[in-house]
Amino acid sequence: MENATRSFSICRLPSVLAARGNRSRSSHYDDIKKGLWTRPVKCAARACGWPQHEVEALNAARIAGKTDDEIMELVAKLEDERKTALDEALK
């Protein structure tokens, strides 16, 4: 994803669940355990969320009819990209 279009907004759990079609909390966390959704990032001492671009990418993959295996690959890629996001943003 290009730097110019990447959003560094953090979505909290209620908005993520709503974006996923009002998926239940337990199903959402089961998806994380199965590797079908990215792990949350800390945004404060007692708060976490998900990067908006990851929520959008994963929803787009579901809409496109990607298989669970393809989505697991996307999850791994998105989590790897987190490691270099700051360096890319500062370029």
PDB file of N, CA and C in Angstrom:
ATOM      1  N   MET A   1       0.838  -1.170   0.000  1.00  0.00           N
ATOM      2  CA  MET A   1       0.000   0.000   0.000  1.00  0.00           C
ATOM      3  C   MET A   1       0.889   1.241   0.000  1.00  0.00           C
ATOM      4  N   GLU A   2       0.516   2.223  -0.759  1.00  0.00           N
ATOM      5  CA  GLU A   2       1.307   3.441  -0.873  1.00  0.00           C
ATOM      6  C   GLU A   2       1.173   4.295   0.383  1.00  0.00           C
ATOM      7  N   ASN A   3       2.255   4.989   0.739  1.00  0.00           N
ATOM      8  CA  ASN A   3       2.238   5.868   1.901  1.00  0.00           C
ATOM      9  C   ASN A   3       1.144   6.912   1.804  1.00  0.00           C
ATOM     10  N   ALA A   4       0.937   7.456   0.611  1.00  0.00           N
ATOM     11  CA  ALA A   4      -0.022   8.536   0.435  1.00  0.00           C
ATOM     12  C   ALA A   4      -1.442   8.091   0.752  1.00  0.00           C
ATOM     13  N   THR A   5      -1.749   6.810   0.597  1.00  0.00           N
ATOM     14  CA  THR A   5      -3.107   6.346   0.841  1.00  0.00           C
ATOM     15  C   THR A   5      -3.259   5.601   2.156  1.00  0.00           C
ATOM     16  N   ARG A   6      -2.193   5.288   2.837  1.00  0.00           N
ATOM     17  CA  ARG A   6      -2.276   4.547   4.089  1.00  0.00           C
ATOM     18  C   ARG A   6      -2.772   5.452   5.201  1.00  0.00           C
ATOM     19  N   SER A   7      -3.741   4.949   5.929  1.00  0.00           N
ATOM     20  CA  SER A   7      -4.276   5.675   7.070  1.00  0.00           C
ATOM     21  C   SER A   7      -3.609   5.150   8.333  1.00  0.00           C
ATOM     22  N   PHE A   8      -3.195   6.051   9.184  1.00  0.00           N
ATOM     23  CA  PHE A   8      -2.615   5.633  10.449  1.00  0.00           C
ATOM     24  C   PHE A   8      -3.609   5.816  11.586  1.00  0.00           C
ATOM     25  N   SER A   9      -4.892   5.851  11.249  1.00  0.00           N
ATOM     26  CA  SER A   9      -5.940   5.932  12.258  1.00  0.00           C
ATOM     27  C   SER A   9      -6.091   4.573  12.933  1.00  0.00           C
ATOM     28  N   ILE A  10      -6.410   4.615  14.218  1.00  0.00           N
ATOM     29  CA  ILE A  10      -6.639   3.400  14.986  1.00  0.00           C
ATOM     30  C   ILE A  10      -8.134   3.273  15.251  1.00  0.00           C
ATOM     31  N   CYS A  11      -8.688   2.126  14.904  1.00  0.00           N
ATOM     32  CA  CYS A  11     -10.108   1.850  15.141  1.00  0.00           C
ATOM     33  C   CYS A  11     -10.239   1.027  16.419  1.00  0.00           C
ATOM     34  N   ARG A  12     -11.096   1.462  17.306  1.00  0.00           N
ATOM     35  CA  ARG A  12     -11.339   0.714  18.539  1.00  0.00           C
ATOM     36  C   ARG A  12     -12.318  -0.426  18.265  1.00  0.00           C
ATOM     37  N   LEU A  13     -12.431  -1.341  19.195  1.00  0.00           N
ATOM     38  CA  LEU A  13     -13.199  -2.567  19.002  1.00  0.00           C
ATOM     39  C   LEU A  13     -14.639  -2.341  18.528  1.00  0.00           C
ATOM     40  N   PRO A  14     -15.418  -1.452  19.135  1.00  0.00           N
ATOM     41  CA  PRO A  14     -16.805  -1.301  18.654  1.00  0.00           C
ATOM     42  C   PRO A  14     -16.899  -0.935  17.170  1.00  0.00           C
ATOM     43  N   SER A  15     -16.004  -0.068  16.700  1.00  0.00           N
ATOM     44  CA  SER A  15     -16.063   0.306  15.284  1.00  0.00           C
ATOM     45  C   SER A  15     -15.567  -0.823  14.388  1.00  0.00           C
ATOM     46  N   VAL A  16     -14.622  -1.621  14.869  1.00  0.00           N
ATOM     47  CA  VAL A  16     -14.153  -2.774  14.092  1.00  0.00           C
ATOM     48  C   VAL A  16     -15.274  -3.806  13.966  1.00  0.00           C
ATOM     49  N   LEU A  17     -15.947  -4.079  15.075  1.00  0.00           N
ATOM     50  CA  LEU A  17     -17.052  -5.041  15.035  1.00  0.00           C
ATOM     51  C   LEU A  17     -18.160  -4.558  14.108  1.00  0.00           C
ATOM     52  N   ALA A  18     -18.457  -3.267  14.144  1.00  0.00           N
ATOM     53  CA  ALA A  18     -19.475  -2.698  13.252  1.00  0.00           C
ATOM     54  C   ALA A  18     -19.042  -2.821  11.794  1.00  0.00           C
ATOM     55  N   ALA A  19     -17.767  -2.548  11.521  1.00  0.00           N
ATOM     56  CA  ALA A  19     -17.257  -2.647  10.152  1.00  0.00           C
ATOM     57  C   ALA A  19     -17.303  -4.088   9.646  1.00  0.00           C
ATOM     58  N   ARG A  20     -17.261  -5.022  10.566  1.00  0.00           N
ATOM     59  CA  ARG A  20     -17.308  -6.444  10.205  1.00  0.00           C
ATOM     60  C   ARG A  20     -18.736  -6.975  10.172  1.00  0.00           C
ATOM     61  N   GLY A  21     -19.712  -6.098  10.136  1.00  0.00           N
ATOM     62  CA  GLY A  21     -21.105  -6.537  10.068  1.00  0.00           C
ATOM     63  C   GLY A  21     -21.665  -6.928  11.419  1.00  0.00           C
ATOM     64  N   ASN A  22     -21.242  -6.191  12.456  1.00  0.00           N
ATOM     65  CA  ASN A  22     -21.681  -6.445  13.831  1.00  0.00           C
ATOM     66  C   ASN A  22     -21.328  -7.850  14.309  1.00  0.00           C
ATOM     67  N   ARG A  23     -20.131  -8.272  13.959  1.00  0.00           N
ATOM     68  CA  ARG A  23     -19.612  -9.565  14.420  1.00  0.00           C
ATOM     69  C   ARG A  23     -19.502  -9.525  15.940  1.00  0.00           C
ATOM     70  N   SER A  24     -19.709 -10.665  16.579  1.00  0.00           N
ATOM     71  CA  SER A  24     -19.626 -10.693  18.041  1.00  0.00           C
ATOM     72  C   SER A  24     -18.174 -10.569  18.490  1.00  0.00           C
ATOM     73  N   ARG A  25     -18.010 -10.098  19.704  1.00  0.00           N
ATOM     74  CA  ARG A  25     -16.687  -9.953  20.310  1.00  0.00           C
ATOM     75  C   ARG A  25     -15.948 -11.287  20.344  1.00  0.00           C
ATOM     76  N   SER A  26     -16.644 -12.326  20.808  1.00  0.00           N
ATOM     77  CA  SER A  26     -15.994 -13.635  20.938  1.00  0.00           C
ATOM     78  C   SER A  26     -15.591 -14.197  19.574  1.00  0.00           C
ATOM     79  N   SER A  27     -16.434 -14.020  18.565  1.00  0.00           N
ATOM     80  CA  SER A  27     -16.081 -14.484  17.217  1.00  0.00           C
ATOM     81  C   SER A  27     -14.892 -13.707  16.669  1.00  0.00           C
ATOM     82  N   HIS A  28     -14.853 -12.412  16.960  1.00  0.00           N
ATOM     83  CA  HIS A  28     -13.736 -11.580  16.505  1.00  0.00           C
ATOM     84  C   HIS A  28     -12.419 -12.088  17.101  1.00  0.00           C
ATOM     85  N   TYR A  29     -12.414 -12.324  18.413  1.00  0.00           N
ATOM     86  CA  TYR A  29     -11.189 -12.794  19.053  1.00  0.00           C
ATOM     87  C   TYR A  29     -10.855 -14.234  18.650  1.00  0.00           C
ATOM     88  N   ASP A  30     -11.861 -15.048  18.339  1.00  0.00           N
ATOM     89  CA  ASP A  30     -11.591 -16.385  17.787  1.00  0.00           C
ATOM     90  C   ASP A  30     -10.887 -16.268  16.438  1.00  0.00           C
ATOM     91  N   ASP A  31     -11.329 -15.312  15.614  1.00  0.00           N
ATOM     92  CA  ASP A  31     -10.677 -15.093  14.319  1.00  0.00           C
ATOM     93  C   ASP A  31      -9.214 -14.702  14.498  1.00  0.00           C
ATOM     94  N   ILE A  32      -8.916 -13.904  15.516  1.00  0.00           N
ATOM     95  CA  ILE A  32      -7.523 -13.517  15.791  1.00  0.00           C
ATOM     96  C   ILE A  32      -6.716 -14.769  16.146  1.00  0.00           C
ATOM     97  N   LYS A  33      -7.260 -15.614  17.011  1.00  0.00           N
ATOM     98  CA  LYS A  33      -6.560 -16.848  17.400  1.00  0.00           C
ATOM     99  C   LYS A  33      -6.311 -17.765  16.207  1.00  0.00           C
ATOM    100  N   LYS A  34      -7.259 -17.797  15.266  1.00  0.00           N
ATOM    101  CA  LYS A  34      -7.136 -18.649  14.082  1.00  0.00           C
ATOM    102  C   LYS A  34      -6.246 -18.034  13.003  1.00  0.00           C
ATOM    103  N   GLY A  35      -5.844 -16.774  13.184  1.00  0.00           N
ATOM    104  CA  GLY A  35      -5.017 -16.104  12.183  1.00  0.00           C
ATOM    105  C   GLY A  35      -5.816 -15.480  11.063  1.00  0.00           C
ATOM    106  N   LEU A  36      -7.128 -15.292  11.281  1.00  0.00           N
ATOM    107  CA  LEU A  36      -7.997 -14.709  10.259  1.00  0.00           C
ATOM    108  C   LEU A  36      -8.213 -13.213  10.452  1.00  0.00           C
ATOM    109  N   TRP A  37      -7.599 -12.644  11.472  1.00  0.00           N
ATOM    110  CA  TRP A  37      -7.677 -11.199  11.714  1.00  0.00           C
ATOM    111  C   TRP A  37      -6.391 -10.802  12.413  1.00  0.00           C
ATOM    112  N   THR A  38      -5.948  -9.583  12.190  1.00  0.00           N
ATOM    113  CA  THR A  38      -4.706  -9.116  12.811  1.00  0.00           C
ATOM    114  C   THR A  38      -4.886  -8.922  14.316  1.00  0.00           C
ATOM    115  N   ARG A  39      -3.766  -9.019  15.023  1.00  0.00           N
ATOM    116  CA  ARG A  39      -3.776  -8.767  16.461  1.00  0.00           C
ATOM    117  C   ARG A  39      -3.899  -7.266  16.702  1.00  0.00           C
ATOM    118  N   PRO A  40      -4.483  -6.879  17.828  1.00  0.00           N
ATOM    119  CA  PRO A  40      -4.615  -5.450  18.118  1.00  0.00           C
ATOM    120  C   PRO A  40      -3.264  -4.815  18.431  1.00  0.00           C
ATOM    121  N   VAL A  41      -3.220  -3.492  18.299  1.00  0.00           N
ATOM    122  CA  VAL A  41      -2.041  -2.721  18.690  1.00  0.00           C
ATOM    123  C   VAL A  41      -2.409  -1.891  19.913  1.00  0.00           C
ATOM    124  N   LYS A  42      -1.447  -1.672  20.790  1.00  0.00           N
ATOM    125  CA  LYS A  42      -1.685  -0.834  21.968  1.00  0.00           C
ATOM    126  C   LYS A  42      -1.739   0.621  21.530  1.00  0.00           C
ATOM    127  N   CYS A  43      -2.763   1.331  21.983  1.00  0.00           N
ATOM    128  CA  CYS A  43      -2.832   2.762  21.679  1.00  0.00           C
ATOM    129  C   CYS A  43      -2.846   3.594  22.956  1.00  0.00           C
ATOM    130  N   ALA A  44      -2.853   2.938  24.101  1.00  0.00           N
ATOM    131  CA  ALA A  44      -2.738   3.587  25.411  1.00  0.00           C
ATOM    132  C   ALA A  44      -2.471   2.474  26.418  1.00  0.00           C
ATOM    133  N   ALA A  45      -2.259   2.854  27.667  1.00  0.00           N
ATOM    134  CA  ALA A  45      -1.928   1.860  28.684  1.00  0.00           C
ATOM    135  C   ALA A  45      -2.988   0.763  28.796  1.00  0.00           C
ATOM    136  N   ARG A  46      -4.255   1.157  28.694  1.00  0.00           N
ATOM    137  CA  ARG A  46      -5.335   0.182  28.838  1.00  0.00           C
ATOM    138  C   ARG A  46      -6.267   0.171  27.635  1.00  0.00           C
ATOM    139  N   ALA A  47      -5.735   0.484  26.481  1.00  0.00           N
ATOM    140  CA  ALA A  47      -6.571   0.542  25.277  1.00  0.00           C
ATOM    141  C   ALA A  47      -5.818  -0.041  24.087  1.00  0.00           C
ATOM    142  N   CYS A  48      -6.575  -0.669  23.214  1.00  0.00           N
ATOM    143  CA  CYS A  48      -5.985  -1.198  21.986  1.00  0.00           C
ATOM    144  C   CYS A  48      -6.963  -0.985  20.840  1.00  0.00           C
ATOM    145  N   GLY A  49      -6.455  -1.198  19.644  1.00  0.00           N
ATOM    146  CA  GLY A  49      -7.283  -1.030  18.457  1.00  0.00           C
ATOM    147  C   GLY A  49      -6.582  -1.642  17.264  1.00  0.00           C
ATOM    148  N   TRP A  50      -7.135  -1.378  16.090  1.00  0.00           N
ATOM    149  CA  TRP A  50      -6.602  -1.927  14.849  1.00  0.00           C
ATOM    150  C   TRP A  50      -6.389  -0.807  13.853  1.00  0.00           C
ATOM    151  N   PRO A  51      -5.272  -0.814  13.133  1.00  0.00           N
ATOM    152  CA  PRO A  51      -5.066   0.195  12.095  1.00  0.00           C
ATOM    153  C   PRO A  51      -6.208   0.150  11.078  1.00  0.00           C
ATOM    154  N   GLN A  52      -6.711   1.315  10.746  1.00  0.00           N
ATOM    155  CA  GLN A  52      -7.856   1.410   9.842  1.00  0.00           C
ATOM    156  C   GLN A  52      -7.588   0.726   8.508  1.00  0.00           C
ATOM    157  N   HIS A  53      -6.369   0.892   7.974  1.00  0.00           N
ATOM    158  CA  HIS A  53      -6.092   0.284   6.670  1.00  0.00           C
ATOM    159  C   HIS A  53      -6.126  -1.245   6.739  1.00  0.00           C
ATOM    160  N   GLU A  54      -5.816  -1.826   7.909  1.00  0.00           N
ATOM    161  CA  GLU A  54      -5.897  -3.277   8.049  1.00  0.00           C
ATOM    162  C   GLU A  54      -7.354  -3.738   8.061  1.00  0.00           C
ATOM    163  N   VAL A  55      -8.204  -3.000   8.769  1.00  0.00           N
ATOM    164  CA  VAL A  55      -9.636  -3.319   8.803  1.00  0.00           C
ATOM    165  C   VAL A  55     -10.198  -3.279   7.382  1.00  0.00           C
ATOM    166  N   GLU A  56      -9.843  -2.229   6.650  1.00  0.00           N
ATOM    167  CA  GLU A  56     -10.330  -2.079   5.275  1.00  0.00           C
ATOM    168  C   GLU A  56      -9.811  -3.195   4.369  1.00  0.00           C
ATOM    169  N   ALA A  57      -8.532  -3.546   4.507  1.00  0.00           N
ATOM    170  CA  ALA A  57      -7.942  -4.591   3.660  1.00  0.00           C
ATOM    171  C   ALA A  57      -8.575  -5.953   3.937  1.00  0.00           C
ATOM    172  N   LEU A  58      -8.784  -6.263   5.204  1.00  0.00           N
ATOM    173  CA  LEU A  58      -9.373  -7.557   5.546  1.00  0.00           C
ATOM    174  C   LEU A  58     -10.834  -7.640   5.123  1.00  0.00           C
ATOM    175  N   ASN A  59     -11.569  -6.548   5.275  1.00  0.00           N
ATOM    176  CA  ASN A  59     -12.956  -6.542   4.799  1.00  0.00           C
ATOM    177  C   ASN A  59     -13.005  -6.673   3.278  1.00  0.00           C
ATOM    178  N   ALA A  60     -12.102  -6.001   2.580  1.00  0.00           N
ATOM    179  CA  ALA A  60     -12.052  -6.097   1.117  1.00  0.00           C
ATOM    180  C   ALA A  60     -11.747  -7.529   0.681  1.00  0.00           C
ATOM    181  N   ALA A  61     -10.876  -8.206   1.418  1.00  0.00           N
ATOM    182  CA  ALA A  61     -10.550  -9.598   1.092  1.00  0.00           C
ATOM    183  C   ALA A  61     -11.774 -10.494   1.242  1.00  0.00           C
ATOM    184  N   ARG A  62     -12.537 -10.286   2.299  1.00  0.00           N
ATOM    185  CA  ARG A  62     -13.772 -11.067   2.492  1.00  0.00           C
ATOM    186  C   ARG A  62     -14.769 -10.778   1.377  1.00  0.00           C
ATOM    187  N   ILE A  63     -14.929  -9.499   1.055  1.00  0.00           N
ATOM    188  CA  ILE A  63     -15.864  -9.109  -0.002  1.00  0.00           C
ATOM    189  C   ILE A  63     -15.451  -9.726  -1.336  1.00  0.00           C
ATOM    190  N   ALA A  64     -14.143  -9.807  -1.573  1.00  0.00           N
ATOM    191  CA  ALA A  64     -13.621 -10.376  -2.822  1.00  0.00           C
ATOM    192  C   ALA A  64     -13.719 -11.900  -2.851  1.00  0.00           C
ATOM    193  N   GLY A  65     -14.146 -12.501  -1.742  1.00  0.00           N
ATOM    194  CA  GLY A  65     -14.314 -13.948  -1.714  1.00  0.00           C
ATOM    195  C   GLY A  65     -13.036 -14.731  -1.497  1.00  0.00           C
ATOM    196  N   LYS A  66     -12.040 -14.105  -0.883  1.00  0.00           N
ATOM    197  CA  LYS A  66     -10.783 -14.805  -0.618  1.00  0.00           C
ATOM    198  C   LYS A  66     -11.021 -15.957   0.363  1.00  0.00           C
ATOM    199  N   THR A  67     -10.246 -17.007   0.222  1.00  0.00           N
ATOM    200  CA  THR A  67     -10.353 -18.165   1.112  1.00  0.00           C
ATOM    201  C   THR A  67      -9.706 -17.843   2.456  1.00  0.00           C
ATOM    202  N   ASP A  68      -9.987 -18.686   3.448  1.00  0.00           N
ATOM    203  CA  ASP A  68      -9.360 -18.493   4.754  1.00  0.00           C
ATOM    204  C   ASP A  68      -7.839 -18.555   4.649  1.00  0.00           C
ATOM    205  N   ASP A  69      -7.319 -19.448   3.824  1.00  0.00           N
ATOM    206  CA  ASP A  69      -5.864 -19.542   3.655  1.00  0.00           C
ATOM    207  C   ASP A  69      -5.290 -18.252   3.073  1.00  0.00           C
ATOM    208  N   GLU A  70      -5.980 -17.677   2.092  1.00  0.00           N
ATOM    209  CA  GLU A  70      -5.523 -16.414   1.503  1.00  0.00           C
ATOM    210  C   GLU A  70      -5.601 -15.279   2.519  1.00  0.00           C
ATOM    211  N   ILE A  71      -6.629 -15.297   3.343  1.00  0.00           N
ATOM    212  CA  ILE A  71      -6.767 -14.257   4.365  1.00  0.00           C
ATOM    213  C   ILE A  71      -5.683 -14.411   5.424  1.00  0.00           C
ATOM    214  N   MET A  72      -5.343 -15.644   5.783  1.00  0.00           N
ATOM    215  CA  MET A  72      -4.252 -15.853   6.741  1.00  0.00           C
ATOM    216  C   MET A  72      -2.935 -15.313   6.195  1.00  0.00           C
ATOM    217  N   GLU A  73      -2.706 -15.473   4.900  1.00  0.00           N
ATOM    218  CA  GLU A  73      -1.504 -14.905   4.280  1.00  0.00           C
ATOM    219  C   GLU A  73      -1.537 -13.382   4.351  1.00  0.00           C
ATOM    220  N   LEU A  74      -2.703 -12.799   4.105  1.00  0.00           N
ATOM    221  CA  LEU A  74      -2.852 -11.345   4.183  1.00  0.00           C
ATOM    222  C   LEU A  74      -2.605 -10.853   5.603  1.00  0.00           C
ATOM    223  N   VAL A  75      -3.134 -11.560   6.593  1.00  0.00           N
ATOM    224  CA  VAL A  75      -2.921 -11.190   7.998  1.00  0.00           C
ATOM    225  C   VAL A  75      -1.429 -11.183   8.314  1.00  0.00           C
ATOM    226  N   ALA A  76      -0.725 -12.221   7.908  1.00  0.00           N
ATOM    227  CA  ALA A  76       0.722 -12.297   8.156  1.00  0.00           C
ATOM    228  C   ALA A  76       1.442 -11.133   7.485  1.00  0.00           C
ATOM    229  N   LYS A  77       1.046 -10.809   6.260  1.00  0.00           N
ATOM    230  CA  LYS A  77       1.668  -9.696   5.528  1.00  0.00           C
ATOM    231  C   LYS A  77       1.401  -8.367   6.235  1.00  0.00           C
ATOM    232  N   LEU A  78       0.159  -8.144   6.653  1.00  0.00           N
ATOM    233  CA  LEU A  78      -0.186  -6.886   7.324  1.00  0.00           C
ATOM    234  C   LEU A  78       0.583  -6.731   8.633  1.00  0.00           C
ATOM    235  N   GLU A  79       0.701  -7.820   9.389  1.00  0.00           N
ATOM    236  CA  GLU A  79       1.433  -7.736  10.653  1.00  0.00           C
ATOM    237  C   GLU A  79       2.927  -7.521  10.417  1.00  0.00           C
ATOM    238  N   ASP A  80       3.481  -8.090   9.359  1.00  0.00           N
ATOM    239  CA  ASP A  80       4.887  -7.844   9.018  1.00  0.00           C
ATOM    240  C   ASP A  80       5.104  -6.389   8.619  1.00  0.00           C
ATOM    241  N   GLU A  81       4.140  -5.822   7.886  1.00  0.00           N
ATOM    242  CA  GLU A  81       4.258  -4.430   7.441  1.00  0.00           C
ATOM    243  C   GLU A  81       4.252  -3.450   8.610  1.00  0.00           C
ATOM    244  N   ARG A  82       3.692  -3.837   9.730  1.00  0.00           N
ATOM    245  CA  ARG A  82       3.688  -2.955  10.904  1.00  0.00           C
ATOM    246  C   ARG A  82       5.110  -2.612  11.332  1.00  0.00           C
ATOM    247  N   LYS A  83       6.011  -3.555  11.157  1.00  0.00           N
ATOM    248  CA  LYS A  83       7.393  -3.371  11.600  1.00  0.00           C
ATOM    249  C   LYS A  83       8.112  -2.275  10.824  1.00  0.00           C
ATOM    250  N   THR A  84       7.694  -2.037   9.596  1.00  0.00           N
ATOM    251  CA  THR A  84       8.366  -1.040   8.764  1.00  0.00           C
ATOM    252  C   THR A  84       7.511   0.199   8.505  1.00  0.00           C
ATOM    253  N   ALA A  85       6.322   0.259   9.092  1.00  0.00           N
ATOM    254  CA  ALA A  85       5.393   1.365   8.819  1.00  0.00           C
ATOM    255  C   ALA A  85       5.987   2.724   9.181  1.00  0.00           C
ATOM    256  N   LEU A  86       6.665   2.830  10.308  1.00  0.00           N
ATOM    257  CA  LEU A  86       7.240   4.118  10.708  1.00  0.00           C
ATOM    258  C   LEU A  86       8.316   4.553   9.732  1.00  0.00           C
ATOM    259  N   ASP A  87       9.205   3.644   9.365  1.00  0.00           N
ATOM    260  CA  ASP A  87      10.265   3.988   8.412  1.00  0.00           C
ATOM    261  C   ASP A  87       9.678   4.475   7.095  1.00  0.00           C
ATOM    262  N   GLU A  88       8.636   3.800   6.610  1.00  0.00           N
ATOM    263  CA  GLU A  88       8.002   4.193   5.353  1.00  0.00           C
ATOM    264  C   GLU A  88       7.320   5.550   5.478  1.00  0.00           C
ATOM    265  N   ALA A  89       6.697   5.806   6.608  1.00  0.00           N
ATOM    266  CA  ALA A  89       5.987   7.073   6.804  1.00  0.00           C
ATOM    267  C   ALA A  89       6.951   8.254   6.863  1.00  0.00           C
ATOM    268  N   LEU A  90       8.170   8.010   7.326  1.00  0.00           N
ATOM    269  CA  LEU A  90       9.142   9.094   7.469  1.00  0.00           C
ATOM    270  C   LEU A  90       9.936   9.359   6.201  1.00  0.00           C
ATOM    271  N   LYS A  91       9.744   8.563   5.167  1.00  0.00           N
ATOM    272  CA  LYS A  91      10.482   8.759   3.908  1.00  0.00           C
ATOM    273  C   LYS A  91      10.009  10.001   3.203  1.00  0.00           C
TER     274      LYS A  91
END
